[in-house]
Structures are given as structure tokens and as C-alpha cells.
Amino acid sequence: MQNNCLSCHSANGPQSPKFDTVALVRASSGEIDRAAAAGPNAVNTFMPDGRSVDEAERRKLGEWLACGAPD
């Protein structure tokens, strides 16, 4: 989240939803998964806009979200 999302999706960033807290990430986990994560059914590459992220990083994001985005 820090390296690939918060430059746009933080309280100071231009885009919504905001992901400044784990609670906000959890509230948007489905949307994040559909736009940026990779899992057994899909590799989503919609976000981050204009940047490439390794599939391994996308898989880590998908696993973290599937586990409930633990602290």
C-alpha cells in the first residue's frame, strides 16, 4: 500500500477512496482486490495507473486482503 497506492489514495492524495488506515483498506478491500491484486482467478492490473507492479507483489496484496488485511 505504501509503495504503490498512497501517493494517490491518502488523505493528501487526489483520489478516493482513501487508504490511510487499515480500517479504510478493509472497507475497500473488494475494490482494491478487483483493481490491483492477483489471485487464483485473475491478475488485475488496473491500478496503479500508469505504473507497473510485479505479479508477485500483486499476489501478496491479494493474499493479505483475503486474510482480512491483518495489522
PDB file of N, CA and C in Angstrom:
ATOM      1  N   MET A   1       0.826  -1.182   0.000  1.00  0.00           N
ATOM      2  CA  MET A   1       0.000   0.000   0.000  1.00  0.00           C
ATOM      3  C   MET A   1       0.877   1.255   0.000  1.00  0.00           C
ATOM      4  N   GLN A   2       1.869   1.260   0.847  1.00  0.00           N
ATOM      5  CA  GLN A   2       2.736   2.437   0.957  1.00  0.00           C
ATOM      6  C   GLN A   2       3.420   2.748  -0.371  1.00  0.00           C
ATOM      7  N   ASN A   3       3.990   1.744  -1.002  1.00  0.00           N
ATOM      8  CA  ASN A   3       4.791   1.973  -2.203  1.00  0.00           C
ATOM      9  C   ASN A   3       3.969   2.216  -3.463  1.00  0.00           C
ATOM     10  N   ASN A   4       2.764   1.674  -3.532  1.00  0.00           N
ATOM     11  CA  ASN A   4       2.040   1.709  -4.792  1.00  0.00           C
ATOM     12  C   ASN A   4       0.676   2.388  -4.755  1.00  0.00           C
ATOM     13  N   CYS A   5       0.164   2.703  -3.582  1.00  0.00           N
ATOM     14  CA  CYS A   5      -1.211   3.212  -3.511  1.00  0.00           C
ATOM     15  C   CYS A   5      -1.336   4.590  -2.867  1.00  0.00           C
ATOM     16  N   LEU A   6      -0.569   4.816  -1.822  1.00  0.00           N
ATOM     17  CA  LEU A   6      -0.808   6.002  -1.000  1.00  0.00           C
ATOM     18  C   LEU A   6      -0.404   7.322  -1.637  1.00  0.00           C
ATOM     19  N   SER A   7       0.391   7.302  -2.682  1.00  0.00           N
ATOM     20  CA  SER A   7       0.708   8.576  -3.327  1.00  0.00           C
ATOM     21  C   SER A   7      -0.553   9.222  -3.903  1.00  0.00           C
ATOM     22  N   CYS A   8      -1.538   8.413  -4.250  1.00  0.00           N
ATOM     23  CA  CYS A   8      -2.812   8.946  -4.756  1.00  0.00           C
ATOM     24  C   CYS A   8      -3.961   8.758  -3.771  1.00  0.00           C
ATOM     25  N   HIS A   9      -3.957   7.642  -3.027  1.00  0.00           N
ATOM     26  CA  HIS A   9      -5.088   7.278  -2.179  1.00  0.00           C
ATOM     27  C   HIS A   9      -4.841   7.516  -0.690  1.00  0.00           C
ATOM     28  N   SER A  10      -4.196   8.633  -0.361  1.00  0.00           N
ATOM     29  CA  SER A  10      -4.031   9.016   1.046  1.00  0.00           C
ATOM     30  C   SER A  10      -4.836  10.275   1.298  1.00  0.00           C
ATOM     31  N   ALA A  11      -4.884  10.700   2.533  1.00  0.00           N
ATOM     32  CA  ALA A  11      -5.623  11.923   2.873  1.00  0.00           C
ATOM     33  C   ALA A  11      -5.104  13.112   2.073  1.00  0.00           C
ATOM     34  N   ASN A  12      -3.823  13.111   1.743  1.00  0.00           N
ATOM     35  CA  ASN A  12      -3.222  14.200   0.974  1.00  0.00           C
ATOM     36  C   ASN A  12      -3.256  13.965  -0.529  1.00  0.00           C
ATOM     37  N   GLY A  13      -3.681  12.782  -0.953  1.00  0.00           N
ATOM     38  CA  GLY A  13      -3.689  12.444  -2.371  1.00  0.00           C
ATOM     39  C   GLY A  13      -4.975  12.855  -3.066  1.00  0.00           C
ATOM     40  N   PRO A  14      -4.944  12.859  -4.385  1.00  0.00           N
ATOM     41  CA  PRO A  14      -6.075  13.355  -5.156  1.00  0.00           C
ATOM     42  C   PRO A  14      -7.223  12.365  -5.366  1.00  0.00           C
ATOM     43  N   GLN A  15      -7.007  11.084  -5.070  1.00  0.00           N
ATOM     44  CA  GLN A  15      -8.000  10.071  -5.423  1.00  0.00           C
ATOM     45  C   GLN A  15      -8.732   9.497  -4.213  1.00  0.00           C
ATOM     46  N   SER A  16      -9.964   9.112  -4.440  1.00  0.00           N
ATOM     47  CA  SER A  16     -10.747   8.357  -3.462  1.00  0.00           C
ATOM     48  C   SER A  16     -10.932   6.964  -4.032  1.00  0.00           C
ATOM     49  N   PRO A  17     -11.101   5.977  -3.184  1.00  0.00           N
ATOM     50  CA  PRO A  17     -11.165   6.015  -1.734  1.00  0.00           C
ATOM     51  C   PRO A  17      -9.781   6.239  -1.124  1.00  0.00           C
ATOM     52  N   LYS A  18      -9.787   6.581   0.146  1.00  0.00           N
ATOM     53  CA  LYS A  18      -8.554   6.819   0.902  1.00  0.00           C
ATOM     54  C   LYS A  18      -8.170   5.546   1.652  1.00  0.00           C
ATOM     55  N   PHE A  19      -6.875   5.280   1.741  1.00  0.00           N
ATOM     56  CA  PHE A  19      -6.357   4.070   2.382  1.00  0.00           C
ATOM     57  C   PHE A  19      -5.369   4.378   3.498  1.00  0.00           C
ATOM     58  N   ASP A  20      -5.610   5.441   4.256  1.00  0.00           N
ATOM     59  CA  ASP A  20      -4.664   5.854   5.293  1.00  0.00           C
ATOM     60  C   ASP A  20      -4.620   4.923   6.493  1.00  0.00           C
ATOM     61  N   THR A  21      -5.673   4.184   6.733  1.00  0.00           N
ATOM     62  CA  THR A  21      -5.701   3.276   7.880  1.00  0.00           C
ATOM     63  C   THR A  21      -6.078   1.876   7.410  1.00  0.00           C
ATOM     64  N   VAL A  22      -5.750   0.899   8.223  1.00  0.00           N
ATOM     65  CA  VAL A  22      -6.119  -0.476   7.895  1.00  0.00           C
ATOM     66  C   VAL A  22      -7.640  -0.596   7.821  1.00  0.00           C
ATOM     67  N   ALA A  23      -8.357   0.127   8.665  1.00  0.00           N
ATOM     68  CA  ALA A  23      -9.822   0.079   8.623  1.00  0.00           C
ATOM     69  C   ALA A  23     -10.345   0.574   7.273  1.00  0.00           C
ATOM     70  N   LEU A  24      -9.749   1.622   6.737  1.00  0.00           N
ATOM     71  CA  LEU A  24     -10.163   2.123   5.423  1.00  0.00           C
ATOM     72  C   LEU A  24      -9.816   1.130   4.319  1.00  0.00           C
ATOM     73  N   VAL A  25      -8.674   0.475   4.422  1.00  0.00           N
ATOM     74  CA  VAL A  25      -8.298  -0.555   3.455  1.00  0.00           C
ATOM     75  C   VAL A  25      -9.293  -1.706   3.523  1.00  0.00           C
ATOM     76  N   ARG A  26      -9.614  -2.147   4.733  1.00  0.00           N
ATOM     77  CA  ARG A  26     -10.573  -3.245   4.878  1.00  0.00           C
ATOM     78  C   ARG A  26     -11.928  -2.884   4.287  1.00  0.00           C
ATOM     79  N   ALA A  27     -12.341  -1.642   4.470  1.00  0.00           N
ATOM     80  CA  ALA A  27     -13.638  -1.203   3.946  1.00  0.00           C
ATOM     81  C   ALA A  27     -13.656  -1.209   2.415  1.00  0.00           C
ATOM     82  N   SER A  28     -12.499  -1.085   1.797  1.00  0.00           N
ATOM     83  CA  SER A  28     -12.407  -1.065   0.334  1.00  0.00           C
ATOM     84  C   SER A  28     -11.709  -2.297  -0.223  1.00  0.00           C
ATOM     85  N   SER A  29     -11.588  -3.343   0.566  1.00  0.00           N
ATOM     86  CA  SER A  29     -10.786  -4.494   0.157  1.00  0.00           C
ATOM     87  C   SER A  29     -11.269  -5.136  -1.141  1.00  0.00           C
ATOM     88  N   GLY A  30     -12.564  -5.219  -1.344  1.00  0.00           N
ATOM     89  CA  GLY A  30     -13.072  -5.804  -2.583  1.00  0.00           C
ATOM     90  C   GLY A  30     -12.689  -4.983  -3.797  1.00  0.00           C
ATOM     91  N   GLU A  31     -12.802  -3.689  -3.673  1.00  0.00           N
ATOM     92  CA  GLU A  31     -12.433  -2.782  -4.759  1.00  0.00           C
ATOM     93  C   GLU A  31     -10.929  -2.852  -5.039  1.00  0.00           C
ATOM     94  N   ILE A  32     -10.122  -2.884  -3.985  1.00  0.00           N
ATOM     95  CA  ILE A  32      -8.672  -2.983  -4.147  1.00  0.00           C
ATOM     96  C   ILE A  32      -8.317  -4.294  -4.831  1.00  0.00           C
ATOM     97  N   ASP A  33      -8.951  -5.369  -4.399  1.00  0.00           N
ATOM     98  CA  ASP A  33      -8.689  -6.687  -4.972  1.00  0.00           C
ATOM     99  C   ASP A  33      -9.002  -6.702  -6.466  1.00  0.00           C
ATOM    100  N   ARG A  34     -10.156  -6.148  -6.845  1.00  0.00           N
ATOM    101  CA  ARG A  34     -10.560  -6.137  -8.251  1.00  0.00           C
ATOM    102  C   ARG A  34      -9.660  -5.263  -9.119  1.00  0.00           C
ATOM    103  N   ALA A  35      -9.082  -4.222  -8.555  1.00  0.00           N
ATOM    104  CA  ALA A  35      -8.301  -3.277  -9.350  1.00  0.00           C
ATOM    105  C   ALA A  35      -6.807  -3.562  -9.363  1.00  0.00           C
ATOM    106  N   ALA A  36      -6.281  -4.170  -8.298  1.00  0.00           N
ATOM    107  CA  ALA A  36      -4.825  -4.208  -8.177  1.00  0.00           C
ATOM    108  C   ALA A  36      -4.219  -5.529  -7.738  1.00  0.00           C
ATOM    109  N   ALA A  37      -5.002  -6.464  -7.247  1.00  0.00           N
ATOM    110  CA  ALA A  37      -4.429  -7.691  -6.699  1.00  0.00           C
ATOM    111  C   ALA A  37      -4.430  -8.826  -7.723  1.00  0.00           C
ATOM    112  N   ALA A  38      -3.695  -9.870  -7.401  1.00  0.00           N
ATOM    113  CA  ALA A  38      -3.674 -11.083  -8.199  1.00  0.00           C
ATOM    114  C   ALA A  38      -4.061 -12.245  -7.302  1.00  0.00           C
ATOM    115  N   GLY A  39      -4.817 -13.164  -7.859  1.00  0.00           N
ATOM    116  CA  GLY A  39      -5.235 -14.340  -7.111  1.00  0.00           C
ATOM    117  C   GLY A  39      -5.464 -15.491  -8.051  1.00  0.00           C
ATOM    118  N   PRO A  40      -6.127 -16.532  -7.569  1.00  0.00           N
ATOM    119  CA  PRO A  40      -6.305 -17.723  -8.396  1.00  0.00           C
ATOM    120  C   PRO A  40      -7.185 -17.499  -9.622  1.00  0.00           C
ATOM    121  N   ASN A  41      -8.037 -16.489  -9.594  1.00  0.00           N
ATOM    122  CA  ASN A  41      -8.966 -16.285 -10.704  1.00  0.00           C
ATOM    123  C   ASN A  41      -8.574 -15.159 -11.657  1.00  0.00           C
ATOM    124  N   ALA A  42      -7.688 -14.269 -11.247  1.00  0.00           N
ATOM    125  CA  ALA A  42      -7.356 -13.126 -12.100  1.00  0.00           C
ATOM    126  C   ALA A  42      -6.099 -12.423 -11.624  1.00  0.00           C
ATOM    127  N   VAL A  43      -5.452 -11.747 -12.571  1.00  0.00           N
ATOM    128  CA  VAL A  43      -4.371 -10.819 -12.263  1.00  0.00           C
ATOM    129  C   VAL A  43      -4.873  -9.451 -12.703  1.00  0.00           C
ATOM    130  N   ASN A  44      -5.161  -8.619 -11.739  1.00  0.00           N
ATOM    131  CA  ASN A  44      -5.748  -7.312 -12.013  1.00  0.00           C
ATOM    132  C   ASN A  44      -4.651  -6.270 -12.123  1.00  0.00           C
ATOM    133  N   THR A  45      -4.700  -5.484 -13.180  1.00  0.00           N
ATOM    134  CA  THR A  45      -3.628  -4.513 -13.437  1.00  0.00           C
ATOM    135  C   THR A  45      -4.156  -3.103 -13.685  1.00  0.00           C
ATOM    136  N   PHE A  46      -5.390  -2.848 -13.303  1.00  0.00           N
ATOM    137  CA  PHE A  46      -5.982  -1.527 -13.499  1.00  0.00           C
ATOM    138  C   PHE A  46      -5.230  -0.456 -12.711  1.00  0.00           C
ATOM    139  N   MET A  47      -4.815  -0.789 -11.503  1.00  0.00           N
ATOM    140  CA  MET A  47      -4.093   0.142 -10.644  1.00  0.00           C
ATOM    141  C   MET A  47      -2.731  -0.444 -10.307  1.00  0.00           C
ATOM    142  N   PRO A  48      -1.748   0.353 -10.024  1.00  0.00           N
ATOM    143  CA  PRO A  48      -1.752   1.802 -10.055  1.00  0.00           C
ATOM    144  C   PRO A  48      -1.671   2.317 -11.482  1.00  0.00           C
ATOM    145  N   ASP A  49      -2.369   3.373 -11.723  1.00  0.00           N
ATOM    146  CA  ASP A  49      -2.475   3.956 -13.049  1.00  0.00           C
ATOM    147  C   ASP A  49      -1.106   4.406 -13.558  1.00  0.00           C
ATOM    148  N   GLY A  50      -0.737   3.916 -14.717  1.00  0.00           N
ATOM    149  CA  GLY A  50       0.497   4.352 -15.352  1.00  0.00           C
ATOM    150  C   GLY A  50       1.771   3.732 -14.805  1.00  0.00           C
ATOM    151  N   ARG A  51       1.640   2.759 -13.900  1.00  0.00           N
ATOM    152  CA  ARG A  51       2.834   2.126 -13.311  1.00  0.00           C
ATOM    153  C   ARG A  51       2.700   0.623 -13.370  1.00  0.00           C
ATOM    154  N   SER A  52       3.816  -0.043 -13.455  1.00  0.00           N
ATOM    155  CA  SER A  52       3.854  -1.491 -13.484  1.00  0.00           C
ATOM    156  C   SER A  52       4.230  -2.017 -12.100  1.00  0.00           C
ATOM    157  N   VAL A  53       3.539  -3.056 -11.672  1.00  0.00           N
ATOM    158  CA  VAL A  53       3.833  -3.720 -10.400  1.00  0.00           C
ATOM    159  C   VAL A  53       3.991  -5.207 -10.698  1.00  0.00           C
ATOM    160  N   ASP A  54       5.035  -5.817 -10.161  1.00  0.00           N
ATOM    161  CA  ASP A  54       5.270  -7.241 -10.379  1.00  0.00           C
ATOM    162  C   ASP A  54       4.076  -8.068  -9.929  1.00  0.00           C
ATOM    163  N   GLU A  55       3.824  -9.152 -10.645  1.00  0.00           N
ATOM    164  CA  GLU A  55       2.728 -10.039 -10.278  1.00  0.00           C
ATOM    165  C   GLU A  55       2.909 -10.603  -8.871  1.00  0.00           C
ATOM    166  N   ALA A  56       4.151 -10.856  -8.470  1.00  0.00           N
ATOM    167  CA  ALA A  56       4.398 -11.377  -7.119  1.00  0.00           C
ATOM    168  C   ALA A  56       3.891 -10.394  -6.064  1.00  0.00           C
ATOM    169  N   GLU A  57       4.092  -9.103  -6.290  1.00  0.00           N
ATOM    170  CA  GLU A  57       3.591  -8.086  -5.354  1.00  0.00           C
ATOM    171  C   GLU A  57       2.062  -8.065  -5.361  1.00  0.00           C
ATOM    172  N   ARG A  58       1.463  -8.210  -6.536  1.00  0.00           N
ATOM    173  CA  ARG A  58       0.008  -8.248  -6.636  1.00  0.00           C
ATOM    174  C   ARG A  58      -0.550  -9.469  -5.906  1.00  0.00           C
ATOM    175  N   ARG A  59       0.147 -10.592  -5.984  1.00  0.00           N
ATOM    176  CA  ARG A  59      -0.291 -11.804  -5.271  1.00  0.00           C
ATOM    177  C   ARG A  59      -0.212 -11.610  -3.757  1.00  0.00           C
ATOM    178  N   LYS A  60       0.863 -10.966  -3.295  1.00  0.00           N
ATOM    179  CA  LYS A  60       0.973 -10.669  -1.858  1.00  0.00           C
ATOM    180  C   LYS A  60      -0.184  -9.796  -1.400  1.00  0.00           C
ATOM    181  N   LEU A  61      -0.528  -8.794  -2.213  1.00  0.00           N
ATOM    182  CA  LEU A  61      -1.659  -7.927  -1.881  1.00  0.00           C
ATOM    183  C   LEU A  61      -2.942  -8.739  -1.815  1.00  0.00           C
ATOM    184  N   GLY A  62      -3.170  -9.598  -2.792  1.00  0.00           N
ATOM    185  CA  GLY A  62      -4.373 -10.423  -2.796  1.00  0.00           C
ATOM    186  C   GLY A  62      -4.455 -11.340  -1.599  1.00  0.00           C
ATOM    187  N   GLU A  63      -3.342 -11.929  -1.209  1.00  0.00           N
ATOM    188  CA  GLU A  63      -3.311 -12.813  -0.034  1.00  0.00           C
ATOM    189  C   GLU A  63      -3.591 -12.016   1.236  1.00  0.00           C
ATOM    190  N   TRP A  64      -2.991 -10.861   1.355  1.00  0.00           N
ATOM    191  CA  TRP A  64      -3.179 -10.018   2.533  1.00  0.00           C
ATOM    192  C   TRP A  64      -4.641  -9.610   2.655  1.00  0.00           C
ATOM    193  N   LEU A  65      -5.247  -9.211   1.537  1.00  0.00           N
ATOM    194  CA  LEU A  65      -6.665  -8.836   1.559  1.00  0.00           C
ATOM    195  C   LEU A  65      -7.548 -10.039   1.885  1.00  0.00           C
ATOM    196  N   ALA A  66      -7.228 -11.198   1.310  1.00  0.00           N
ATOM    197  CA  ALA A  66      -8.024 -12.411   1.575  1.00  0.00           C
ATOM    198  C   ALA A  66      -7.963 -12.817   3.043  1.00  0.00           C
ATOM    199  N   CYS A  67      -6.874 -12.472   3.716  1.00  0.00           N
ATOM    200  CA  CYS A  67      -6.737 -12.765   5.157  1.00  0.00           C
ATOM    201  C   CYS A  67      -7.349 -11.681   6.025  1.00  0.00           C
ATOM    202  N   GLY A  68      -8.010 -10.720   5.430  1.00  0.00           N
ATOM    203  CA  GLY A  68      -8.652  -9.662   6.203  1.00  0.00           C
ATOM    204  C   GLY A  68      -7.787  -8.448   6.446  1.00  0.00           C
ATOM    205  N   ALA A  69      -6.698  -8.311   5.689  1.00  0.00           N
ATOM    206  CA  ALA A  69      -5.766  -7.187   5.843  1.00  0.00           C
ATOM    207  C   ALA A  69      -5.311  -7.027   7.293  1.00  0.00           C
ATOM    208  N   PRO A  70      -4.666  -8.091   7.834  1.00  0.00           N
ATOM    209  CA  PRO A  70      -4.232  -8.006   9.233  1.00  0.00           C
ATOM    210  C   PRO A  70      -3.162  -6.941   9.450  1.00  0.00           C
ATOM    211  N   ASP A  71      -3.124  -6.416  10.666  1.00  0.00           N
ATOM    212  CA  ASP A  71      -2.130  -5.390  11.031  1.00  0.00           C
ATOM    213  C   ASP A  71      -0.735  -5.922  10.948  1.00  0.00           C
TER     214      ASP A  71
END
